[in-house]
N, C-alpha and C. Protein backbone atom coordinates (compact mmCIF):
# COMPACT_ATOMS: atom_id res chain seq x y z
N MET A 1 -10.49 -7.87 8.93
CA MET A 1 -9.09 -8.27 9.01
C MET A 1 -8.39 -7.41 10.07
N ALA A 2 -8.29 -7.92 11.26
CA ALA A 2 -7.77 -7.14 12.38
C ALA A 2 -6.34 -6.67 12.15
N ASP A 3 -5.46 -7.57 11.63
CA ASP A 3 -4.07 -7.19 11.42
C ASP A 3 -3.95 -6.01 10.46
N GLN A 4 -4.73 -6.03 9.39
CA GLN A 4 -4.70 -4.93 8.43
C GLN A 4 -5.19 -3.64 9.07
N ASN A 5 -6.23 -3.72 9.89
CA ASN A 5 -6.73 -2.53 10.57
C ASN A 5 -5.70 -1.95 11.53
N ILE A 6 -4.97 -2.82 12.23
CA ILE A 6 -3.90 -2.36 13.13
C ILE A 6 -2.80 -1.68 12.32
N GLU A 7 -2.43 -2.28 11.19
CA GLU A 7 -1.40 -1.69 10.34
C GLU A 7 -1.83 -0.33 9.80
N ILE A 8 -3.09 -0.22 9.41
CA ILE A 8 -3.60 1.06 8.92
C ILE A 8 -3.54 2.11 10.03
N SER A 9 -3.97 1.74 11.22
CA SER A 9 -3.93 2.66 12.35
C SER A 9 -2.50 3.11 12.67
N ASN A 10 -1.57 2.14 12.73
CA ASN A 10 -0.17 2.46 13.01
C ASN A 10 0.42 3.36 11.93
N THR A 11 0.11 3.05 10.67
CA THR A 11 0.64 3.81 9.54
C THR A 11 0.12 5.24 9.56
N ILE A 12 -1.16 5.41 9.80
CA ILE A 12 -1.75 6.76 9.85
C ILE A 12 -1.12 7.58 10.97
N SER A 13 -0.87 6.95 12.10
CA SER A 13 -0.24 7.64 13.22
C SER A 13 1.12 8.20 12.81
N VAL A 14 1.91 7.42 12.08
CA VAL A 14 3.24 7.86 11.62
C VAL A 14 3.09 8.97 10.58
N LEU A 15 2.15 8.80 9.64
CA LEU A 15 1.95 9.82 8.60
C LEU A 15 1.54 11.16 9.20
N LYS A 16 0.66 11.13 10.19
CA LYS A 16 0.19 12.37 10.81
C LYS A 16 1.30 13.11 11.53
N LYS A 17 2.32 12.38 11.97
CA LYS A 17 3.46 13.01 12.67
C LYS A 17 4.54 13.46 11.68
N GLY A 18 4.28 13.34 10.38
CA GLY A 18 5.26 13.74 9.38
C GLY A 18 6.31 12.69 9.09
N GLY A 19 6.01 11.44 9.48
CA GLY A 19 6.96 10.36 9.24
C GLY A 19 6.87 9.80 7.83
N ILE A 20 7.87 8.99 7.49
CA ILE A 20 7.86 8.31 6.19
C ILE A 20 7.73 6.80 6.42
N ILE A 21 7.04 6.16 5.49
CA ILE A 21 6.70 4.75 5.64
C ILE A 21 7.24 3.94 4.46
N LEU A 22 7.39 2.65 4.69
CA LEU A 22 7.69 1.69 3.64
C LEU A 22 6.45 0.81 3.58
N TYR A 23 5.80 0.75 2.41
CA TYR A 23 4.52 0.06 2.35
C TYR A 23 4.28 -0.61 1.01
N PRO A 24 3.46 -1.67 1.02
CA PRO A 24 3.13 -2.34 -0.24
C PRO A 24 2.07 -1.54 -0.99
N THR A 25 2.34 -1.23 -2.26
CA THR A 25 1.36 -0.50 -3.07
C THR A 25 0.73 -1.48 -4.05
N ASP A 26 -0.02 -0.97 -5.00
CA ASP A 26 -0.63 -1.83 -6.01
C ASP A 26 0.38 -2.21 -7.09
N THR A 27 1.62 -1.75 -6.97
CA THR A 27 2.67 -2.14 -7.91
C THR A 27 3.85 -2.74 -7.13
N VAL A 28 4.74 -1.91 -6.63
CA VAL A 28 5.93 -2.38 -5.92
C VAL A 28 5.91 -1.86 -4.48
N TRP A 29 6.88 -2.30 -3.67
CA TRP A 29 7.02 -1.70 -2.34
C TRP A 29 7.43 -0.25 -2.52
N GLY A 30 6.79 0.63 -1.78
CA GLY A 30 7.06 2.05 -1.95
C GLY A 30 7.41 2.75 -0.66
N ILE A 31 8.07 3.89 -0.82
CA ILE A 31 8.32 4.78 0.30
C ILE A 31 7.25 5.86 0.19
N GLY A 32 6.62 6.18 1.30
CA GLY A 32 5.53 7.14 1.23
C GLY A 32 5.50 8.09 2.40
N CYS A 33 4.68 9.14 2.23
CA CYS A 33 4.43 10.11 3.29
C CYS A 33 3.18 10.89 2.90
N ASP A 34 2.77 11.77 3.76
CA ASP A 34 1.65 12.66 3.51
C ASP A 34 2.03 13.58 2.35
N ALA A 35 1.26 13.55 1.27
CA ALA A 35 1.57 14.34 0.08
C ALA A 35 1.37 15.84 0.30
N THR A 36 0.83 16.22 1.46
CA THR A 36 0.64 17.65 1.75
C THR A 36 1.71 18.18 2.71
N ASN A 37 2.65 17.33 3.10
CA ASN A 37 3.66 17.68 4.09
C ASN A 37 5.04 17.84 3.43
N ALA A 38 5.45 19.08 3.19
CA ALA A 38 6.71 19.35 2.49
C ALA A 38 7.92 18.79 3.24
N ASP A 39 7.92 18.87 4.57
CA ASP A 39 9.06 18.35 5.34
C ASP A 39 9.19 16.84 5.18
N ALA A 40 8.08 16.14 5.19
CA ALA A 40 8.11 14.69 5.02
C ALA A 40 8.61 14.33 3.62
N ILE A 41 8.19 15.09 2.63
CA ILE A 41 8.65 14.86 1.25
C ILE A 41 10.16 15.09 1.15
N ASP A 42 10.65 16.12 1.82
CA ASP A 42 12.10 16.36 1.85
C ASP A 42 12.85 15.18 2.46
N LYS A 43 12.26 14.54 3.48
CA LYS A 43 12.89 13.37 4.10
C LYS A 43 13.03 12.24 3.08
N ILE A 44 12.03 12.07 2.22
CA ILE A 44 12.10 11.00 1.20
C ILE A 44 13.20 11.32 0.18
N PHE A 45 13.27 12.59 -0.28
CA PHE A 45 14.33 12.96 -1.22
C PHE A 45 15.70 12.67 -0.60
N ALA A 46 15.88 13.01 0.67
CA ALA A 46 17.15 12.80 1.35
C ALA A 46 17.45 11.30 1.50
N LEU A 47 16.44 10.52 1.90
CA LEU A 47 16.64 9.08 2.08
C LEU A 47 17.03 8.41 0.76
N LYS A 48 16.35 8.76 -0.30
CA LYS A 48 16.63 8.14 -1.60
C LYS A 48 17.87 8.73 -2.28
N LYS A 49 18.41 9.83 -1.70
CA LYS A 49 19.52 10.57 -2.32
C LYS A 49 19.11 10.97 -3.74
N ARG A 50 17.93 11.52 -3.83
CA ARG A 50 17.32 11.86 -5.11
C ARG A 50 17.24 13.37 -5.29
N ALA A 51 17.53 13.83 -6.48
CA ALA A 51 17.44 15.26 -6.78
C ALA A 51 15.98 15.71 -6.66
N GLU A 52 15.77 16.86 -6.05
CA GLU A 52 14.40 17.36 -5.88
C GLU A 52 13.74 17.72 -7.20
N SER A 53 14.53 17.83 -8.26
CA SER A 53 13.95 18.13 -9.57
C SER A 53 13.25 16.90 -10.15
N LYS A 54 13.53 15.72 -9.61
CA LYS A 54 12.85 14.51 -10.06
C LYS A 54 11.57 14.35 -9.27
N SER A 55 10.46 14.33 -9.95
CA SER A 55 9.18 14.29 -9.24
C SER A 55 8.81 12.87 -8.80
N MET A 56 7.85 12.81 -7.90
CA MET A 56 7.37 11.53 -7.38
C MET A 56 5.87 11.42 -7.64
N ILE A 57 5.39 10.21 -7.52
CA ILE A 57 3.97 9.90 -7.72
C ILE A 57 3.24 10.06 -6.39
N CYS A 58 1.96 10.36 -6.44
CA CYS A 58 1.16 10.23 -5.23
C CYS A 58 -0.07 9.40 -5.54
N LEU A 59 -0.58 8.75 -4.52
CA LEU A 59 -1.73 7.86 -4.65
C LEU A 59 -2.95 8.49 -4.02
N VAL A 60 -4.09 8.32 -4.68
CA VAL A 60 -5.38 8.73 -4.14
C VAL A 60 -6.26 7.49 -4.09
N SER A 61 -7.35 7.58 -3.33
CA SER A 61 -8.20 6.40 -3.13
C SER A 61 -9.23 6.19 -4.23
N ASP A 62 -9.66 7.27 -4.88
CA ASP A 62 -10.73 7.14 -5.87
C ASP A 62 -10.82 8.39 -6.72
N PHE A 63 -11.74 8.39 -7.70
CA PHE A 63 -11.90 9.54 -8.59
C PHE A 63 -12.29 10.80 -7.83
N LYS A 64 -13.11 10.65 -6.80
CA LYS A 64 -13.54 11.82 -6.01
C LYS A 64 -12.33 12.51 -5.38
N MET A 65 -11.42 11.73 -4.80
CA MET A 65 -10.22 12.32 -4.20
C MET A 65 -9.33 12.90 -5.29
N LEU A 66 -9.23 12.24 -6.41
CA LEU A 66 -8.44 12.75 -7.53
C LEU A 66 -8.89 14.17 -7.89
N GLN A 67 -10.18 14.36 -7.98
CA GLN A 67 -10.74 15.67 -8.36
C GLN A 67 -10.41 16.76 -7.35
N GLN A 68 -10.15 16.39 -6.10
CA GLN A 68 -9.82 17.38 -5.07
C GLN A 68 -8.39 17.89 -5.21
N TYR A 69 -7.53 17.16 -5.92
CA TYR A 69 -6.11 17.49 -5.97
C TYR A 69 -5.61 17.87 -7.37
N VAL A 70 -6.54 18.00 -8.32
CA VAL A 70 -6.19 18.44 -9.67
C VAL A 70 -7.21 19.50 -10.08
N GLU A 71 -6.72 20.61 -10.61
CA GLU A 71 -7.62 21.68 -10.99
C GLU A 71 -8.70 21.21 -11.97
N GLU A 72 -8.26 20.44 -12.98
CA GLU A 72 -9.21 19.92 -13.96
C GLU A 72 -8.74 18.55 -14.43
N VAL A 73 -9.57 17.53 -14.21
CA VAL A 73 -9.23 16.19 -14.68
C VAL A 73 -9.83 16.05 -16.09
N PRO A 74 -8.96 15.92 -17.12
CA PRO A 74 -9.49 15.77 -18.48
C PRO A 74 -10.38 14.52 -18.59
N GLU A 75 -11.44 14.63 -19.34
CA GLU A 75 -12.40 13.53 -19.49
C GLU A 75 -11.72 12.23 -19.96
N VAL A 76 -10.73 12.37 -20.85
CA VAL A 76 -10.03 11.20 -21.38
C VAL A 76 -9.34 10.40 -20.25
N ALA A 77 -8.96 11.06 -19.16
CA ALA A 77 -8.31 10.37 -18.04
C ALA A 77 -9.23 9.31 -17.44
N TYR A 78 -10.51 9.64 -17.30
CA TYR A 78 -11.46 8.67 -16.75
C TYR A 78 -11.58 7.45 -17.66
N ASP A 79 -11.63 7.69 -18.96
CA ASP A 79 -11.72 6.58 -19.91
C ASP A 79 -10.49 5.68 -19.82
N ILE A 80 -9.33 6.29 -19.77
CA ILE A 80 -8.08 5.51 -19.67
C ILE A 80 -8.07 4.69 -18.39
N LEU A 81 -8.41 5.31 -17.26
CA LEU A 81 -8.36 4.61 -15.98
C LEU A 81 -9.41 3.51 -15.88
N LYS A 82 -10.59 3.73 -16.43
CA LYS A 82 -11.64 2.71 -16.37
C LYS A 82 -11.29 1.48 -17.19
N HIS A 83 -10.50 1.66 -18.27
CA HIS A 83 -10.19 0.55 -19.16
C HIS A 83 -8.78 -0.02 -18.98
N ALA A 84 -7.99 0.58 -18.10
CA ALA A 84 -6.62 0.11 -17.89
C ALA A 84 -6.62 -1.29 -17.29
N VAL A 85 -5.76 -2.14 -17.83
CA VAL A 85 -5.67 -3.50 -17.30
C VAL A 85 -4.58 -3.63 -16.23
N LYS A 86 -3.71 -2.64 -16.13
CA LYS A 86 -2.68 -2.65 -15.08
C LYS A 86 -2.69 -1.28 -14.39
N PRO A 87 -2.08 -1.18 -13.23
CA PRO A 87 -2.04 0.11 -12.54
C PRO A 87 -1.47 1.19 -13.47
N THR A 88 -2.17 2.31 -13.54
CA THR A 88 -1.80 3.38 -14.46
C THR A 88 -1.73 4.71 -13.73
N THR A 89 -0.59 5.36 -13.85
CA THR A 89 -0.36 6.66 -13.26
C THR A 89 -0.53 7.70 -14.36
N ILE A 90 -1.23 8.76 -14.05
CA ILE A 90 -1.42 9.83 -15.02
C ILE A 90 -0.81 11.12 -14.47
N ILE A 91 -0.08 11.81 -15.35
CA ILE A 91 0.51 13.10 -14.99
C ILE A 91 -0.49 14.17 -15.40
N TYR A 92 -0.95 14.94 -14.41
CA TYR A 92 -1.96 15.97 -14.62
C TYR A 92 -1.36 17.36 -14.54
N ASP A 93 -1.94 18.29 -15.30
CA ASP A 93 -1.59 19.70 -15.21
C ASP A 93 -2.25 20.31 -13.97
N ARG A 94 -1.61 21.30 -13.41
CA ARG A 94 -2.14 22.14 -12.34
C ARG A 94 -2.71 21.38 -11.12
N PRO A 95 -1.83 20.70 -10.39
CA PRO A 95 -2.28 20.04 -9.16
C PRO A 95 -2.64 21.07 -8.09
N LEU A 96 -3.45 20.64 -7.13
CA LEU A 96 -3.91 21.50 -6.04
C LEU A 96 -3.66 20.84 -4.68
N ARG A 97 -3.51 21.66 -3.65
CA ARG A 97 -3.54 21.22 -2.26
C ARG A 97 -2.51 20.13 -1.89
N VAL A 98 -1.39 20.08 -2.60
CA VAL A 98 -0.30 19.19 -2.21
C VAL A 98 0.91 20.07 -1.93
N ALA A 99 1.91 19.51 -1.29
CA ALA A 99 3.12 20.27 -0.98
C ALA A 99 3.80 20.74 -2.27
N GLU A 100 4.32 21.95 -2.24
CA GLU A 100 4.97 22.54 -3.42
C GLU A 100 6.12 21.67 -3.95
N ASN A 101 6.89 21.05 -3.03
CA ASN A 101 8.05 20.27 -3.47
C ASN A 101 7.67 18.92 -4.08
N LEU A 102 6.39 18.64 -4.16
CA LEU A 102 5.92 17.43 -4.84
C LEU A 102 5.55 17.73 -6.29
N ILE A 103 5.33 19.01 -6.58
CA ILE A 103 4.89 19.43 -7.91
C ILE A 103 6.12 19.63 -8.81
N ALA A 104 6.05 19.06 -10.02
CA ALA A 104 7.14 19.19 -10.98
C ALA A 104 7.28 20.64 -11.45
N GLN A 105 8.44 20.95 -12.02
CA GLN A 105 8.73 22.31 -12.46
C GLN A 105 7.74 22.82 -13.51
N ASP A 106 7.13 21.90 -14.28
CA ASP A 106 6.16 22.31 -15.30
C ASP A 106 4.73 22.35 -14.75
N ASN A 107 4.60 22.40 -13.41
CA ASN A 107 3.31 22.47 -12.72
C ASN A 107 2.42 21.27 -13.02
N THR A 108 3.03 20.08 -12.94
CA THR A 108 2.29 18.83 -13.11
C THR A 108 2.54 17.93 -11.90
N LEU A 109 1.70 16.92 -11.78
CA LEU A 109 1.86 15.92 -10.72
C LEU A 109 1.36 14.58 -11.23
N ALA A 110 2.14 13.54 -10.97
CA ALA A 110 1.77 12.18 -11.32
C ALA A 110 0.91 11.60 -10.20
N ILE A 111 -0.30 11.15 -10.55
CA ILE A 111 -1.23 10.61 -9.55
C ILE A 111 -1.78 9.28 -10.05
N ARG A 112 -1.87 8.32 -9.14
CA ARG A 112 -2.48 7.03 -9.46
C ARG A 112 -3.62 6.77 -8.49
N VAL A 113 -4.73 6.30 -9.02
CA VAL A 113 -5.83 5.85 -8.17
C VAL A 113 -5.45 4.43 -7.74
N ALA A 114 -5.22 4.24 -6.45
CA ALA A 114 -4.74 2.95 -5.94
C ALA A 114 -5.79 1.86 -6.12
N ARG A 115 -5.35 0.72 -6.63
CA ARG A 115 -6.23 -0.43 -6.81
C ARG A 115 -6.08 -1.45 -5.68
N ASP A 116 -4.98 -1.37 -4.99
CA ASP A 116 -4.70 -2.32 -3.91
C ASP A 116 -5.66 -2.06 -2.74
N PRO A 117 -6.33 -3.09 -2.22
CA PRO A 117 -7.29 -2.88 -1.13
C PRO A 117 -6.67 -2.21 0.11
N PHE A 118 -5.46 -2.63 0.49
CA PHE A 118 -4.81 -2.02 1.65
C PHE A 118 -4.55 -0.53 1.40
N CYS A 119 -3.96 -0.21 0.26
CA CYS A 119 -3.66 1.21 -0.07
C CYS A 119 -4.94 2.04 -0.11
N GLY A 120 -5.94 1.52 -0.77
CA GLY A 120 -7.20 2.26 -0.88
C GLY A 120 -7.78 2.57 0.48
N LYS A 121 -7.79 1.57 1.35
CA LYS A 121 -8.36 1.76 2.69
C LYS A 121 -7.49 2.73 3.52
N LEU A 122 -6.17 2.59 3.40
CA LEU A 122 -5.25 3.47 4.11
C LEU A 122 -5.48 4.93 3.70
N ILE A 123 -5.55 5.18 2.40
CA ILE A 123 -5.72 6.54 1.90
C ILE A 123 -7.10 7.09 2.28
N ARG A 124 -8.13 6.27 2.17
CA ARG A 124 -9.49 6.72 2.55
C ARG A 124 -9.52 7.13 4.01
N LYS A 125 -8.92 6.32 4.89
CA LYS A 125 -8.94 6.63 6.32
C LYS A 125 -8.03 7.82 6.66
N PHE A 126 -6.94 7.98 5.92
CA PHE A 126 -6.02 9.09 6.15
C PHE A 126 -6.61 10.40 5.60
N LYS A 127 -7.46 10.28 4.60
CA LYS A 127 -8.19 11.41 3.99
C LYS A 127 -7.29 12.39 3.25
N ARG A 128 -6.10 11.93 2.83
CA ARG A 128 -5.17 12.75 2.05
C ARG A 128 -4.38 11.82 1.13
N PRO A 129 -3.87 12.35 0.01
CA PRO A 129 -3.04 11.51 -0.85
C PRO A 129 -1.72 11.15 -0.15
N ILE A 130 -1.16 10.04 -0.57
CA ILE A 130 0.10 9.57 -0.01
C ILE A 130 1.12 9.45 -1.14
N VAL A 131 2.33 9.96 -0.88
CA VAL A 131 3.42 9.84 -1.85
C VAL A 131 3.75 8.37 -2.04
N SER A 132 4.11 8.02 -3.26
CA SER A 132 4.55 6.67 -3.55
C SER A 132 5.75 6.74 -4.49
N THR A 133 6.90 6.34 -3.99
CA THR A 133 8.09 6.26 -4.81
C THR A 133 8.76 4.93 -4.53
N SER A 134 9.37 4.34 -5.52
CA SER A 134 9.94 3.00 -5.35
C SER A 134 10.95 2.97 -4.20
N ALA A 135 11.01 1.83 -3.54
CA ALA A 135 11.83 1.67 -2.33
C ALA A 135 13.28 1.35 -2.67
N ASN A 136 13.92 2.28 -3.38
CA ASN A 136 15.31 2.11 -3.74
C ASN A 136 16.05 3.44 -3.63
N LEU A 137 17.38 3.36 -3.55
CA LEU A 137 18.19 4.57 -3.59
C LEU A 137 18.21 5.04 -5.03
N SER A 138 18.29 6.33 -5.25
CA SER A 138 18.29 6.89 -6.60
C SER A 138 19.41 6.25 -7.42
N GLY A 139 19.04 5.83 -8.62
CA GLY A 139 20.01 5.20 -9.51
C GLY A 139 20.10 3.69 -9.38
N SER A 140 19.59 3.14 -8.28
CA SER A 140 19.59 1.69 -8.09
C SER A 140 18.31 1.10 -8.69
N PRO A 141 18.35 -0.19 -9.04
CA PRO A 141 17.13 -0.79 -9.60
C PRO A 141 16.00 -0.88 -8.58
N THR A 142 14.77 -0.86 -9.08
CA THR A 142 13.60 -1.01 -8.22
C THR A 142 13.59 -2.43 -7.66
N PRO A 143 13.46 -2.60 -6.34
CA PRO A 143 13.43 -3.95 -5.77
C PRO A 143 12.23 -4.74 -6.29
N LYS A 144 12.46 -6.00 -6.66
CA LYS A 144 11.38 -6.85 -7.16
C LYS A 144 10.55 -7.44 -6.03
N ASN A 145 11.13 -7.47 -4.82
CA ASN A 145 10.40 -7.97 -3.66
C ASN A 145 11.01 -7.35 -2.39
N PHE A 146 10.37 -7.63 -1.28
CA PHE A 146 10.79 -7.02 0.00
C PHE A 146 12.25 -7.34 0.33
N LYS A 147 12.69 -8.57 0.05
CA LYS A 147 14.06 -8.99 0.40
C LYS A 147 15.13 -8.17 -0.33
N GLU A 148 14.78 -7.58 -1.46
CA GLU A 148 15.75 -6.81 -2.24
C GLU A 148 15.86 -5.34 -1.81
N ILE A 149 15.04 -4.93 -0.85
CA ILE A 149 15.07 -3.52 -0.41
C ILE A 149 16.37 -3.26 0.36
N ASP A 150 17.06 -2.21 -0.03
CA ASP A 150 18.34 -1.83 0.57
C ASP A 150 18.18 -1.57 2.07
N LYS A 151 19.18 -2.00 2.83
CA LYS A 151 19.17 -1.83 4.28
C LYS A 151 19.04 -0.34 4.67
N ALA A 152 19.65 0.54 3.88
CA ALA A 152 19.58 1.98 4.17
C ALA A 152 18.13 2.47 4.10
N ILE A 153 17.35 1.92 3.19
CA ILE A 153 15.94 2.29 3.09
C ILE A 153 15.18 1.75 4.30
N LEU A 154 15.39 0.48 4.60
CA LEU A 154 14.70 -0.14 5.74
C LEU A 154 14.97 0.61 7.04
N GLU A 155 16.22 1.04 7.22
CA GLU A 155 16.58 1.75 8.45
C GLU A 155 16.22 3.23 8.41
N GLY A 156 16.00 3.77 7.21
CA GLY A 156 15.75 5.20 7.07
C GLY A 156 14.30 5.62 7.18
N VAL A 157 13.38 4.67 7.06
CA VAL A 157 11.96 5.02 7.18
C VAL A 157 11.54 4.98 8.66
N ASP A 158 10.43 5.64 8.96
CA ASP A 158 9.94 5.66 10.33
C ASP A 158 9.07 4.45 10.66
N TYR A 159 8.53 3.80 9.62
CA TYR A 159 7.65 2.66 9.87
C TYR A 159 7.61 1.75 8.64
N VAL A 160 7.72 0.46 8.87
CA VAL A 160 7.57 -0.54 7.81
C VAL A 160 6.24 -1.25 8.04
N VAL A 161 5.35 -1.13 7.06
CA VAL A 161 4.04 -1.78 7.17
C VAL A 161 4.26 -3.29 7.23
N ASN A 162 3.67 -3.91 8.22
CA ASN A 162 3.87 -5.33 8.47
C ASN A 162 2.73 -6.14 7.85
N LEU A 163 2.81 -6.32 6.55
CA LEU A 163 1.85 -7.15 5.82
C LEU A 163 2.63 -8.22 5.09
N PRO A 164 1.96 -9.20 4.51
CA PRO A 164 2.70 -10.27 3.82
C PRO A 164 3.78 -9.74 2.89
N LEU A 165 5.02 -10.06 3.21
CA LEU A 165 6.16 -9.48 2.50
C LEU A 165 6.34 -10.07 1.10
N GLN A 166 5.86 -11.27 0.88
CA GLN A 166 6.03 -11.90 -0.43
C GLN A 166 5.02 -11.38 -1.44
N LYS A 167 4.06 -10.61 -1.00
CA LYS A 167 2.94 -10.17 -1.84
C LYS A 167 3.35 -9.33 -3.04
N LYS A 168 4.31 -8.44 -2.87
CA LYS A 168 4.65 -7.49 -3.93
C LYS A 168 5.76 -8.00 -4.82
N GLY A 169 5.95 -7.29 -5.91
CA GLY A 169 7.03 -7.66 -6.81
C GLY A 169 6.62 -7.49 -8.26
N VAL A 170 5.45 -6.92 -8.50
CA VAL A 170 5.04 -6.67 -9.88
C VAL A 170 5.78 -5.44 -10.41
N LYS A 171 5.58 -5.15 -11.65
CA LYS A 171 6.27 -4.02 -12.28
C LYS A 171 5.67 -2.68 -11.86
N PRO A 172 6.46 -1.61 -12.02
CA PRO A 172 5.92 -0.27 -11.76
C PRO A 172 4.74 0.01 -12.71
N SER A 173 3.97 1.01 -12.38
CA SER A 173 2.79 1.35 -13.17
C SER A 173 3.15 1.92 -14.54
N SER A 174 2.18 1.89 -15.43
CA SER A 174 2.30 2.64 -16.69
C SER A 174 2.20 4.11 -16.30
N ILE A 175 2.85 4.98 -17.07
CA ILE A 175 2.73 6.42 -16.80
C ILE A 175 2.32 7.10 -18.11
N ILE A 176 1.26 7.88 -18.01
CA ILE A 176 0.72 8.60 -19.15
C ILE A 176 0.58 10.07 -18.75
N LYS A 177 0.97 10.97 -19.66
CA LYS A 177 0.80 12.40 -19.39
C LYS A 177 -0.38 12.89 -20.23
N ILE A 178 -1.34 13.53 -19.55
CA ILE A 178 -2.51 14.08 -20.23
C ILE A 178 -2.56 15.57 -19.96
N GLY A 179 -2.51 16.34 -21.04
CA GLY A 179 -2.61 17.79 -20.91
C GLY A 179 -4.07 18.21 -20.79
N ASN A 180 -4.30 19.40 -20.31
CA ASN A 180 -5.68 19.89 -20.21
C ASN A 180 -6.32 20.07 -21.57
N ASP A 181 -5.49 20.04 -22.63
CA ASP A 181 -6.04 20.09 -23.99
C ASP A 181 -6.32 18.67 -24.51
N SER A 182 -6.25 17.68 -23.58
CA SER A 182 -6.50 16.25 -23.86
C SER A 182 -5.43 15.58 -24.71
N THR A 183 -4.26 16.20 -24.86
CA THR A 183 -3.17 15.51 -25.53
C THR A 183 -2.67 14.40 -24.62
N VAL A 184 -2.38 13.25 -25.19
CA VAL A 184 -1.97 12.08 -24.42
C VAL A 184 -0.57 11.66 -24.88
N LYS A 185 0.33 11.46 -23.91
CA LYS A 185 1.69 11.02 -24.22
C LYS A 185 2.04 9.87 -23.29
N ILE A 186 2.47 8.74 -23.85
CA ILE A 186 2.89 7.59 -23.05
C ILE A 186 4.32 7.85 -22.56
N ILE A 187 4.51 7.84 -21.25
CA ILE A 187 5.84 8.05 -20.66
C ILE A 187 6.50 6.70 -20.38
N ARG A 188 5.74 5.76 -19.80
CA ARG A 188 6.26 4.41 -19.50
C ARG A 188 5.12 3.43 -19.69
N LYS A 189 5.36 2.40 -20.50
CA LYS A 189 4.32 1.38 -20.75
C LYS A 189 4.24 0.40 -19.61
């Protein structure tokens, strides 16, 4: 798919320069950046007018990448992810190798293994996790499709991935918090 490969190349170029992107994820349209770049993460907080105390999700391409960014992935997380019928984000204790301003005050990080083919390929080729936060201003509803994305968001990102715009519009992911003691708490169904 040549168009997708061009989009991946263009997107990676922007991410490597510390830019922020608007891209289709396996759930909704998201604003993203390199999860290891604190300055880029600050740009997203500013664009969304979001308090830095509110954490964001990051996407990884597979279990192997997940293991590189979490000190210890509880065994129960693999079972949950293997059997999940919808995209599922898990909040892990003690994240590693990501920007400090991405980590919540309780030393946790929400990570989702991307199921979307475009996202998976983008993250694999970029070789780093990518931030994923809904494409809305803080306090506003999550856009159900590309047409609902606020003009301030569209103008505030450095790059808009040019893929079929009608494709997205599903609900945000489920969010589950798993402690290293294997305690499981449902945050969002």
